[in-house]
Protein backbone atom coordinates (compact mmCIF):
# COMPACT_ATOMS: atom_id res chain seq x y z
CA MET A 1 44.59 100.36 -74.60
CA LYS A 2 42.78 98.59 -77.61
CA HIS A 3 46.15 97.59 -79.11
CA SER A 4 46.92 95.61 -75.70
CA TYR A 5 43.83 93.70 -76.10
CA LEU A 6 44.78 92.94 -79.66
CA THR A 7 48.43 92.01 -78.47
CA ALA A 8 46.90 89.70 -76.04
CA LEU A 9 44.59 87.96 -78.54
CA ILE A 10 47.42 87.30 -81.00
CA LEU A 11 49.98 86.15 -78.41
CA ILE A 12 47.33 83.57 -76.97
CA ALA A 13 46.36 82.74 -80.51
CA VAL A 14 50.04 81.77 -81.04
CA ILE A 15 49.98 79.78 -77.82
CA LEU A 16 46.84 77.94 -79.09
CA VAL A 17 48.41 77.34 -82.53
CA ILE A 18 51.54 75.78 -80.95
CA GLY A 19 49.44 73.56 -78.62
CA VAL A 20 46.63 72.50 -80.97
CA GLY A 21 49.26 71.90 -83.64
CA SER A 22 51.45 69.69 -81.72
CA GLN A 23 48.34 67.50 -80.80
CA LEU A 24 47.06 67.35 -84.38
CA LEU A 25 50.40 66.04 -85.52
CA GLY A 26 50.23 63.26 -83.05
CA ILE A 27 53.99 62.91 -82.83
CA ARG A 28 55.35 62.45 -79.37
CA LEU A 29 58.69 64.28 -80.07
CA TYR A 30 56.79 67.49 -81.52
CA ASP A 31 54.71 67.33 -78.35
CA ARG A 32 57.53 67.26 -76.24
CA ILE A 33 59.16 70.11 -77.94
CA ALA A 34 55.95 72.11 -77.90
CA THR A 35 55.57 71.64 -74.10
CA ASN A 36 59.08 72.61 -73.43
CA LEU A 37 58.63 75.68 -75.57
CA LEU A 38 55.74 76.96 -73.58
CA ILE A 39 57.41 76.36 -70.23
CA SER A 40 60.44 78.39 -71.59
CA LEU A 41 57.88 80.93 -72.71
CA VAL A 42 56.60 81.30 -69.15
CA LEU A 43 60.14 81.79 -67.88
CA VAL A 44 60.97 84.31 -70.55
CA VAL A 45 57.81 86.29 -70.24
CA GLY A 46 58.54 86.24 -66.50
CA LEU A 47 62.07 87.59 -66.94
CA GLN A 48 60.51 90.22 -69.20
CA THR A 49 58.50 91.65 -66.54
CA PHE A 50 61.41 92.87 -64.76
CA MET A 51 63.89 93.17 -67.23
CA GLY A 52 62.05 94.79 -69.95
CA ASN A 53 60.14 97.25 -67.83
CA SER A 54 63.37 98.35 -65.58
CA GLY A 55 66.03 97.87 -68.15
CA LEU A 56 68.40 95.77 -65.77
CA LEU A 57 69.42 92.45 -66.69
CA SER A 58 68.83 89.74 -64.09
CA PHE A 59 70.82 86.65 -64.07
CA ALA A 60 69.03 85.47 -60.82
CA HIS A 61 65.85 84.48 -62.60
CA ILE A 62 66.92 80.86 -63.20
CA GLY A 63 67.72 80.31 -59.52
CA PHE A 64 64.28 81.25 -58.52
CA MET A 65 63.16 78.64 -61.20
CA GLY A 66 65.25 75.94 -59.46
CA LEU A 67 63.72 77.19 -56.17
CA GLY A 68 60.26 76.67 -57.44
CA ALA A 69 60.93 73.13 -59.14
CA TYR A 70 62.46 71.94 -55.52
CA THR A 71 59.73 73.27 -53.47
CA SER A 72 57.03 71.62 -55.69
CA ALA A 73 59.12 68.51 -55.98
CA VAL A 74 59.25 68.47 -51.91
CA LEU A 75 55.50 68.85 -51.67
CA THR A 76 54.42 66.33 -54.49
CA ILE A 77 56.70 63.37 -54.40
CA PRO A 78 54.70 60.58 -52.92
CA ALA A 79 55.30 59.96 -49.15
CA GLN A 80 56.48 56.50 -49.76
CA MET A 81 59.04 57.59 -52.12
CA LYS A 82 60.56 60.48 -50.02
CA GLY A 83 62.90 58.07 -48.18
CA MET A 84 64.43 56.87 -51.21
CA ALA A 85 64.53 60.30 -53.18
CA LEU A 86 65.08 62.59 -50.07
CA PRO A 87 66.62 60.29 -47.43
CA ASP A 88 67.94 63.61 -45.36
CA LEU A 89 64.56 65.21 -45.73
CA TYR A 90 63.22 66.81 -42.50
CA GLU A 91 60.90 64.42 -40.43
CA PHE A 92 57.81 66.88 -40.53
CA MET A 93 58.09 67.01 -44.38
CA LYS A 94 58.10 63.51 -45.09
CA ILE A 95 54.46 63.09 -44.52
CA VAL A 96 53.38 66.21 -46.42
CA GLU A 97 51.88 65.52 -49.94
CA VAL A 98 49.62 68.08 -51.71
CA SER A 99 48.33 68.36 -55.25
CA PRO A 100 50.62 69.56 -58.09
CA LEU A 101 48.20 72.65 -58.45
CA LEU A 102 48.70 73.71 -54.92
CA ALA A 103 52.37 72.74 -54.96
CA MET A 104 52.74 75.14 -58.14
CA LEU A 105 51.48 78.03 -56.43
CA ALA A 106 53.49 77.31 -53.18
CA ALA A 107 56.40 77.19 -55.39
CA GLY A 108 55.87 80.58 -56.85
CA VAL A 109 54.90 82.10 -53.44
CA LEU A 110 58.14 80.83 -52.04
CA ALA A 111 60.30 82.08 -54.79
CA ALA A 112 58.57 85.46 -54.69
CA ALA A 113 59.13 85.57 -50.88
CA VAL A 114 62.86 84.96 -51.12
CA ALA A 115 62.98 87.61 -53.75
CA ALA A 116 61.00 89.90 -51.44
CA VAL A 117 63.71 89.45 -48.61
CA VAL A 118 66.99 89.41 -50.45
CA ALA A 119 66.25 91.90 -53.25
CA TYR A 120 65.35 95.22 -52.11
CA PRO A 121 68.93 96.34 -51.17
CA LEU A 122 70.05 95.16 -54.85
CA MET A 123 67.40 97.30 -56.39
CA ARG A 124 69.22 100.47 -55.42
CA LEU A 125 72.00 99.63 -57.78
CA SER A 126 72.17 100.22 -61.82
CA ASP A 127 74.32 99.49 -64.56
CA ALA A 128 77.33 97.02 -64.11
CA ALA A 129 76.70 96.89 -60.32
CA SER A 130 73.20 95.73 -60.75
CA VAL A 131 74.32 92.88 -63.32
CA ILE A 132 77.09 91.76 -60.97
CA THR A 133 75.08 91.47 -57.89
CA SER A 134 72.27 89.51 -59.92
CA PHE A 135 74.94 87.18 -60.83
CA ALA A 136 76.21 86.81 -57.33
CA LEU A 137 72.55 86.07 -56.39
CA LEU A 138 72.37 83.40 -58.95
CA VAL A 139 75.37 81.85 -57.43
CA VAL A 140 74.07 81.93 -54.08
CA LEU A 141 70.95 80.23 -54.97
CA TYR A 142 72.74 77.60 -57.10
CA THR A 143 75.12 77.06 -54.03
CA VAL A 144 72.16 76.45 -51.52
CA MET A 145 70.53 74.04 -53.91
CA ASN A 146 73.70 72.11 -54.43
CA ASN A 147 74.40 71.84 -50.84
CA TRP A 148 71.10 71.72 -48.83
CA SER A 149 70.89 67.93 -49.00
CA ALA A 150 67.90 67.83 -46.77
CA PHE A 151 65.74 69.73 -49.20
CA THR A 152 67.40 69.04 -52.62
CA ASN A 153 69.10 65.83 -52.24
CA GLY A 154 72.54 68.01 -52.73
CA PRO A 155 74.31 67.83 -56.09
CA ARG A 156 72.58 64.28 -56.79
CA THR A 157 69.55 63.87 -58.97
CA LEU A 158 66.28 64.31 -57.42
CA PHE A 159 63.59 61.83 -58.90
CA GLY A 160 60.15 60.83 -58.22
CA LEU A 161 58.10 63.79 -59.04
CA PRO A 162 54.60 62.86 -60.42
CA LYS A 163 54.57 63.75 -64.43
CA THR A 164 51.46 66.12 -64.37
CA THR A 165 52.71 68.83 -66.77
CA ASP A 166 51.33 68.29 -70.30
CA MET A 167 50.38 70.40 -73.33
CA PRO A 168 47.18 71.73 -71.96
CA ILE A 169 48.55 72.73 -68.62
CA ALA A 170 51.58 74.26 -70.19
CA ALA A 171 49.40 76.33 -72.60
CA ILE A 172 47.08 77.54 -69.95
CA VAL A 173 49.75 78.78 -67.58
CA ALA A 174 51.45 80.34 -70.62
CA GLY A 175 48.40 82.18 -71.61
CA ILE A 176 47.89 83.44 -68.12
CA VAL A 177 51.47 84.58 -67.68
CA VAL A 178 51.06 86.68 -70.99
CA ILE A 179 48.13 88.34 -69.90
CA VAL A 180 49.82 89.15 -66.37
CA ALA A 181 52.71 90.60 -68.16
CA LEU A 182 50.68 92.72 -70.40
CA LEU A 183 48.58 94.03 -67.53
CA PHE A 184 51.65 94.79 -65.55
CA LYS A 185 53.16 96.45 -68.44
CA GLU A 186 50.05 98.85 -68.75
CA SER A 187 49.81 99.28 -65.10
CA ARG A 188 50.89 102.32 -63.11
CA THR A 189 53.96 100.62 -61.59
CA GLY A 190 54.95 99.39 -65.15
CA LYS A 191 54.63 102.82 -66.67
CA LEU A 192 56.54 104.38 -64.02
CA LEU A 193 59.23 101.64 -64.21
CA ARG A 194 59.56 102.09 -67.87
CA ALA A 195 60.03 105.85 -67.37
CA SER A 196 62.86 105.13 -64.92
CA ARG A 197 64.38 102.86 -67.54
CA GLU A 198 64.49 105.79 -69.94
CA ASP A 199 65.69 108.63 -67.50
CA GLU A 200 66.15 107.82 -63.76
CA VAL A 201 66.67 111.31 -62.71
CA ALA A 202 63.53 112.60 -64.44
CA ALA A 203 61.31 109.62 -63.03
CA ALA A 204 62.65 110.39 -59.52
CA ALA A 205 62.08 114.05 -59.87
CA LEU A 206 58.33 113.15 -60.65
CA GLY A 207 58.02 111.10 -57.40
CA ALA A 208 58.65 107.74 -58.55
CA ASN A 209 60.27 105.43 -55.89
CA ILE A 210 62.47 103.52 -58.22
CA PRO A 211 63.99 100.96 -55.92
CA HIS A 212 60.33 100.01 -54.82
CA LEU A 213 59.11 99.82 -58.38
CA ARG A 214 62.04 97.53 -59.27
CA TRP A 215 61.46 95.59 -56.28
CA ARG A 216 57.79 94.85 -57.36
CA ALA A 217 58.70 93.78 -60.60
CA PHE A 218 61.26 91.65 -59.39
CA ILE A 219 59.10 89.90 -56.92
CA LEU A 220 56.59 89.21 -59.74
CA ALA A 221 59.33 87.97 -62.05
CA ALA A 222 60.52 85.45 -59.06
CA PHE A 223 56.91 84.37 -58.60
CA ILE A 224 56.42 83.55 -62.37
CA ALA A 225 59.74 81.91 -62.32
CA GLY A 226 58.89 79.60 -59.38
CA ILE A 227 55.94 78.47 -61.09
CA GLY A 228 57.90 77.84 -64.34
CA GLY A 229 60.23 75.88 -62.23
CA ALA A 230 57.42 73.57 -60.96
CA LEU A 231 55.95 73.23 -64.48
CA TRP A 232 59.42 72.06 -65.68
CA GLY A 233 60.09 69.74 -62.72
CA HIS A 234 56.53 67.94 -63.24
CA PHE A 235 57.47 67.82 -66.97
CA ILE A 236 60.91 66.27 -66.79
CA THR A 237 60.49 64.44 -63.35
CA SER A 238 63.89 64.07 -62.30
CA PHE A 239 66.60 66.84 -62.28
CA ALA A 240 69.89 68.09 -60.40
CA PRO A 241 70.91 71.63 -59.35
CA LYS A 242 73.10 71.98 -62.44
CA ALA A 243 69.94 72.44 -64.33
CA PHE A 244 69.52 75.87 -62.91
CA TYR A 245 72.82 77.46 -63.52
CA LEU A 246 74.68 78.99 -66.39
CA LYS A 247 73.38 76.99 -69.52
CA GLU A 248 69.87 77.56 -68.84
CA THR A 249 70.48 81.35 -67.84
CA PHE A 250 72.20 81.86 -71.08
CA LEU A 251 69.33 80.13 -73.10
CA ILE A 252 66.62 82.09 -71.46
CA ILE A 253 68.45 85.51 -71.68
CA THR A 254 69.16 84.50 -75.37
CA MET A 255 65.53 84.11 -76.13
CA LEU A 256 64.54 87.56 -74.55
CA VAL A 257 67.36 89.64 -76.02
CA ILE A 258 66.87 88.25 -79.69
CA GLY A 259 63.10 88.49 -79.46
CA GLY A 260 63.12 92.11 -77.77
CA ALA A 261 63.58 92.73 -74.00
CA ASN A 262 61.13 95.67 -73.94
CA THR A 263 58.01 93.93 -75.17
CA VAL A 264 56.08 90.88 -74.37
CA THR A 265 55.71 90.17 -78.01
CA GLY A 266 59.51 89.89 -78.35
CA ALA A 267 59.64 87.46 -75.49
CA VAL A 268 57.13 85.23 -77.12
CA ALA A 269 58.75 85.64 -80.55
CA GLY A 270 62.32 84.87 -79.20
CA THR A 271 61.28 81.92 -77.29
CA VAL A 272 59.57 80.46 -80.49
CA LEU A 273 62.56 81.40 -82.88
CA ILE A 274 65.36 80.02 -80.44
CA THR A 275 63.44 76.94 -79.35
CA VAL A 276 63.16 75.86 -82.94
CA ALA A 277 66.64 76.87 -83.86
CA TYR A 278 68.04 75.12 -80.62
CA GLU A 279 66.15 71.90 -81.44
CA GLY A 280 67.27 72.04 -85.22
CA LEU A 281 70.87 72.58 -84.07
CA ARG A 282 70.85 69.83 -81.70
CA SER A 283 69.44 67.63 -84.21
CA THR A 284 72.17 68.73 -86.67
CA GLU A 285 74.87 68.25 -84.10
CA GLY A 286 73.84 64.57 -83.34
CA ALA A 287 73.35 63.76 -86.98
CA LEU A 288 76.98 64.89 -87.38
CA ASN A 289 78.28 62.91 -84.63
CA ALA A 290 76.58 60.06 -85.71
CA THR A 291 78.36 59.82 -88.92
CA SER A 292 81.89 58.49 -89.28
CA PHE A 293 83.04 61.68 -90.70
CA GLY A 294 81.96 63.78 -87.67
CA ALA A 295 82.01 61.23 -84.97
CA GLY A 296 83.42 62.72 -81.77
CA GLN A 297 84.09 66.19 -83.42
CA VAL A 298 81.26 68.49 -83.27
CA ILE A 299 80.84 69.62 -79.72
CA GLY A 300 78.82 72.79 -78.61
CA LEU A 301 77.84 73.58 -82.00
CA THR A 302 74.39 74.67 -80.54
CA GLU A 303 75.66 76.88 -78.04
CA ILE A 304 78.18 78.53 -80.48
CA VAL A 305 75.49 79.34 -82.96
CA LEU A 306 73.28 80.79 -80.31
CA ALA A 307 76.06 83.04 -78.90
CA LEU A 308 76.84 84.26 -82.62
CA ALA A 309 73.19 84.87 -83.21
CA MET A 310 72.98 86.82 -80.14
CA ILE A 311 76.29 88.83 -81.00
CA ALA A 312 74.81 89.57 -84.34
CA VAL A 313 71.40 90.68 -83.08
CA MET A 314 73.07 93.01 -80.48
CA ILE A 315 74.97 94.67 -83.33
CA LEU A 316 72.59 94.74 -86.17
CA LYS A 317 69.26 95.22 -83.87
CA PRO A 318 70.12 96.01 -80.67
CA GLY A 319 66.57 96.17 -79.61
CA GLY A 320 65.67 92.77 -80.73
CA LEU A 321 63.11 91.68 -83.19
CA PHE A 322 60.31 93.75 -81.45
CA PRO A 323 62.36 96.48 -79.68
CA ASN A 324 59.63 98.89 -78.51
CA ARG A 325 56.12 98.33 -79.70
CA GLU A 326 53.82 95.20 -79.13
CA ILE A 327 52.38 93.40 -82.30
CA GLY A 328 48.95 94.76 -81.38
CA HIS A 329 50.43 98.37 -81.69
CA ILE A 330 52.33 97.79 -84.90
CA LEU A 331 49.20 96.31 -86.59
CA THR A 332 46.84 99.12 -85.39
CA ARG A 333 49.30 101.82 -86.79
CA ALA A 334 49.83 99.92 -90.11
CA ARG A 335 45.89 99.86 -90.53
CA ARG A 336 45.59 103.59 -89.67
CA LYS A 337 47.95 104.36 -92.15
CA LYS A 338 46.13 102.73 -95.06
CA GLU A 339 42.92 104.34 -93.96
CA PRO A 340 42.34 107.27 -96.42
CA ALA A 341 42.48 110.74 -94.77
CA PRO A 342 38.84 112.43 -94.13
């Protein structure tokens, strides 16, 4: 258990370094990138609580992020602006206005509630069937967001959210989510779920209710995704349903797969690495397009390079950078090896 405490301390220290470092630099662009990184970290660690412990890939995670973002938006857009931002909003909702903190919690609770209702039958599935149904769930959530004009403004951009997400708030939420993910991993549910990941038949023979264990993890992941969506919504302040579909899904899954889906350390490492690479590639793509040589020619460089990187990792290191052990466990074992034998 000591290595879990060490892991938590190291990962929180990484979050603090990112937050404090961007503040000390005093460059607005870096502060924005760092804040976006921490929001992505919340989403990736949330996905890890389900995918890493159950071994099942989930495409629906970003759908719950979108649900959280829209829930928080409806609850926090000033009443005087709702007529413009959401002209078809239900009458009883037009006067509702709560604090962003309460809206964030409500976003997580609603996402978790939807997950609890729709996901239990899906938790009985494994392998390809589970992947296909999770993608189908993403399509359902996206379609609802794209067509429920009263709640989301349909396919049009929703605006008017108060900008309340800043670096300190993103860092605090990221730190809490990392601790929650580590606690869940070491809980009885987390251990049984990982046992089912390694051998479903043996875990069931020991009395593990595998669908129920997966359901619990899926609800927790959806709750974290809802909170992450609210954080992102109050950071970007305007968005449309297309922000919660395939591109963002691919990015979040890439972060987790490259870092290592089975560990919280891998989720954090993958988020940091891919965010840095993503921003660097975007800058390179923009610079090439700005030159006369590359004007209008370099399109999709960022996505292509990230896709190739994920393919390379899956071939050379299938478990990611941190495949099985948390950073605290790795350091503890390394220290023990250096200690002289009695």
